[in-house]
Amino acid sequence: MKNYRYLIEDKFDANSIANDLRVQLNVNRFDNVTIKAVNQRNEVIVQVPDSSDHLEIAVESFMENYQTGVILE
């Protein structure tokens, strides 16, 4: 599993972004993903399986307008 920590811009709420991302991934039928908002640091943590290129592209595309940075753990 890969963990991505998305640092969210201050003008956005991490919990709201996490919920919107869940909806988007459900619409696209991606179900093997864990999404967690960390409001204290305004981050969204997304855990994806190692061999899920299409899922990673979908998450990165969604998050590109909300993030100030990303950390791969």
C-alpha atoms as a PDB file:
ATOM      1  CA  MET A   1       0.000   0.000   0.000  1.00  0.00           C
ATOM      2  CA  LYS A   2       1.050   3.552  -0.701  1.00  0.00           C
ATOM      3  CA  ASN A   3       0.140   6.480   1.516  1.00  0.00           C
ATOM      4  CA  TYR A   4      -0.186   9.940   0.010  1.00  0.00           C
ATOM      5  CA  ARG A   5      -0.422  12.944   2.330  1.00  0.00           C
ATOM      6  CA  TYR A   6      -1.961  15.871   0.495  1.00  0.00           C
ATOM      7  CA  LEU A   7      -1.289  19.241   2.114  1.00  0.00           C
ATOM      8  CA  ILE A   8      -4.448  21.259   1.504  1.00  0.00           C
ATOM      9  CA  GLU A   9      -4.501  24.995   0.824  1.00  0.00           C
ATOM     10  CA  ASP A  10      -5.687  27.038   3.814  1.00  0.00           C
ATOM     11  CA  LYS A  11      -8.775  28.300   1.995  1.00  0.00           C
ATOM     12  CA  PHE A  12     -10.129  24.706   1.758  1.00  0.00           C
ATOM     13  CA  ASP A  13     -11.344  22.351   4.488  1.00  0.00           C
ATOM     14  CA  ALA A  14      -9.644  18.924   4.563  1.00  0.00           C
ATOM     15  CA  ASN A  15     -12.796  17.126   5.729  1.00  0.00           C
ATOM     16  CA  SER A  16     -14.866  18.563   2.891  1.00  0.00           C
ATOM     17  CA  ILE A  17     -12.198  17.701   0.308  1.00  0.00           C
ATOM     18  CA  ALA A  18     -11.942  14.138   1.666  1.00  0.00           C
ATOM     19  CA  ASN A  19     -15.721  13.689   1.391  1.00  0.00           C
ATOM     20  CA  ASP A  20     -15.771  15.055  -2.159  1.00  0.00           C
ATOM     21  CA  LEU A  21     -12.908  12.755  -3.135  1.00  0.00           C
ATOM     22  CA  ARG A  22     -14.801   9.748  -1.711  1.00  0.00           C
ATOM     23  CA  VAL A  23     -17.828  10.623  -3.845  1.00  0.00           C
ATOM     24  CA  GLN A  24     -15.699  11.063  -6.959  1.00  0.00           C
ATOM     25  CA  LEU A  25     -13.932   7.730  -6.483  1.00  0.00           C
ATOM     26  CA  ASN A  26     -17.238   5.957  -5.796  1.00  0.00           C
ATOM     27  CA  VAL A  27     -18.643   7.363  -9.051  1.00  0.00           C
ATOM     28  CA  ASN A  28     -15.570   6.020 -10.855  1.00  0.00           C
ATOM     29  CA  ARG A  29     -16.024   2.649  -9.083  1.00  0.00           C
ATOM     30  CA  PHE A  30     -12.730   2.744  -7.193  1.00  0.00           C
ATOM     31  CA  ASP A  31     -13.441   0.962  -3.933  1.00  0.00           C
ATOM     32  CA  ASN A  32     -10.068  -0.249  -2.675  1.00  0.00           C
ATOM     33  CA  VAL A  33      -8.979   3.087  -1.233  1.00  0.00           C
ATOM     34  CA  THR A  34      -8.882   4.617   2.253  1.00  0.00           C
ATOM     35  CA  ILE A  35      -9.330   8.365   2.692  1.00  0.00           C
ATOM     36  CA  LYS A  36      -8.774  10.188   5.991  1.00  0.00           C
ATOM     37  CA  ALA A  37      -8.958  13.910   6.735  1.00  0.00           C
ATOM     38  CA  VAL A  38      -6.579  15.357   9.332  1.00  0.00           C
ATOM     39  CA  ASN A  39      -8.148  18.700  10.207  1.00  0.00           C
ATOM     40  CA  GLN A  40      -5.449  19.771  12.675  1.00  0.00           C
ATOM     41  CA  ARG A  41      -2.876  19.861   9.849  1.00  0.00           C
ATOM     42  CA  ASN A  42      -5.348  20.465   6.992  1.00  0.00           C
ATOM     43  CA  GLU A  43      -4.251  17.294   5.220  1.00  0.00           C
ATOM     44  CA  VAL A  44      -5.960  14.467   3.392  1.00  0.00           C
ATOM     45  CA  ILE A  45      -4.321  11.049   3.626  1.00  0.00           C
ATOM     46  CA  VAL A  46      -5.120   8.649   0.800  1.00  0.00           C
ATOM     47  CA  GLN A  47      -4.057   5.002   0.976  1.00  0.00           C
ATOM     48  CA  VAL A  48      -4.032   3.084  -2.327  1.00  0.00           C
ATOM     49  CA  PRO A  49      -2.878  -0.417  -3.322  1.00  0.00           C
ATOM     50  CA  ASP A  50       0.595  -0.671  -4.859  1.00  0.00           C
ATOM     51  CA  SER A  51      -0.547  -1.668  -8.348  1.00  0.00           C
ATOM     52  CA  SER A  52      -3.306   0.871  -8.950  1.00  0.00           C
ATOM     53  CA  ASP A  53      -2.063   3.314 -11.589  1.00  0.00           C
ATOM     54  CA  HIS A  54      -5.547   4.380 -12.737  1.00  0.00           C
ATOM     55  CA  LEU A  55      -6.639   5.050  -9.164  1.00  0.00           C
ATOM     56  CA  GLU A  56      -3.528   7.128  -8.454  1.00  0.00           C
ATOM     57  CA  ILE A  57      -4.121   9.183 -11.614  1.00  0.00           C
ATOM     58  CA  ALA A  58      -7.751   9.807 -10.598  1.00  0.00           C
ATOM     59  CA  VAL A  59      -6.726  10.930  -7.095  1.00  0.00           C
ATOM     60  CA  GLU A  60      -3.894  13.155  -8.364  1.00  0.00           C
ATOM     61  CA  SER A  61      -6.179  14.744 -10.952  1.00  0.00           C
ATOM     62  CA  PHE A  62      -8.838  15.515  -8.336  1.00  0.00           C
ATOM     63  CA  MET A  63      -6.385  16.865  -5.764  1.00  0.00           C
ATOM     64  CA  GLU A  64      -4.269  19.078  -8.036  1.00  0.00           C
ATOM     65  CA  ASN A  65      -6.428  22.186  -7.471  1.00  0.00           C
ATOM     66  CA  TYR A  66      -6.640  21.797  -3.689  1.00  0.00           C
ATOM     67  CA  GLN A  67      -3.115  20.903  -2.620  1.00  0.00           C
ATOM     68  CA  THR A  68       0.000  22.870  -1.789  1.00  0.00           C
ATOM     69  CA  GLY A  69       2.125  19.721  -1.737  1.00  0.00           C
ATOM     70  CA  VAL A  70       2.094  15.952  -1.533  1.00  0.00           C
ATOM     71  CA  ILE A  71       4.168  13.523   0.517  1.00  0.00           C
ATOM     72  CA  LEU A  72       4.484   9.871  -0.471  1.00  0.00           C
ATOM     73  CA  GLU A  73       4.994   7.624   2.537  1.00  0.00           C
END
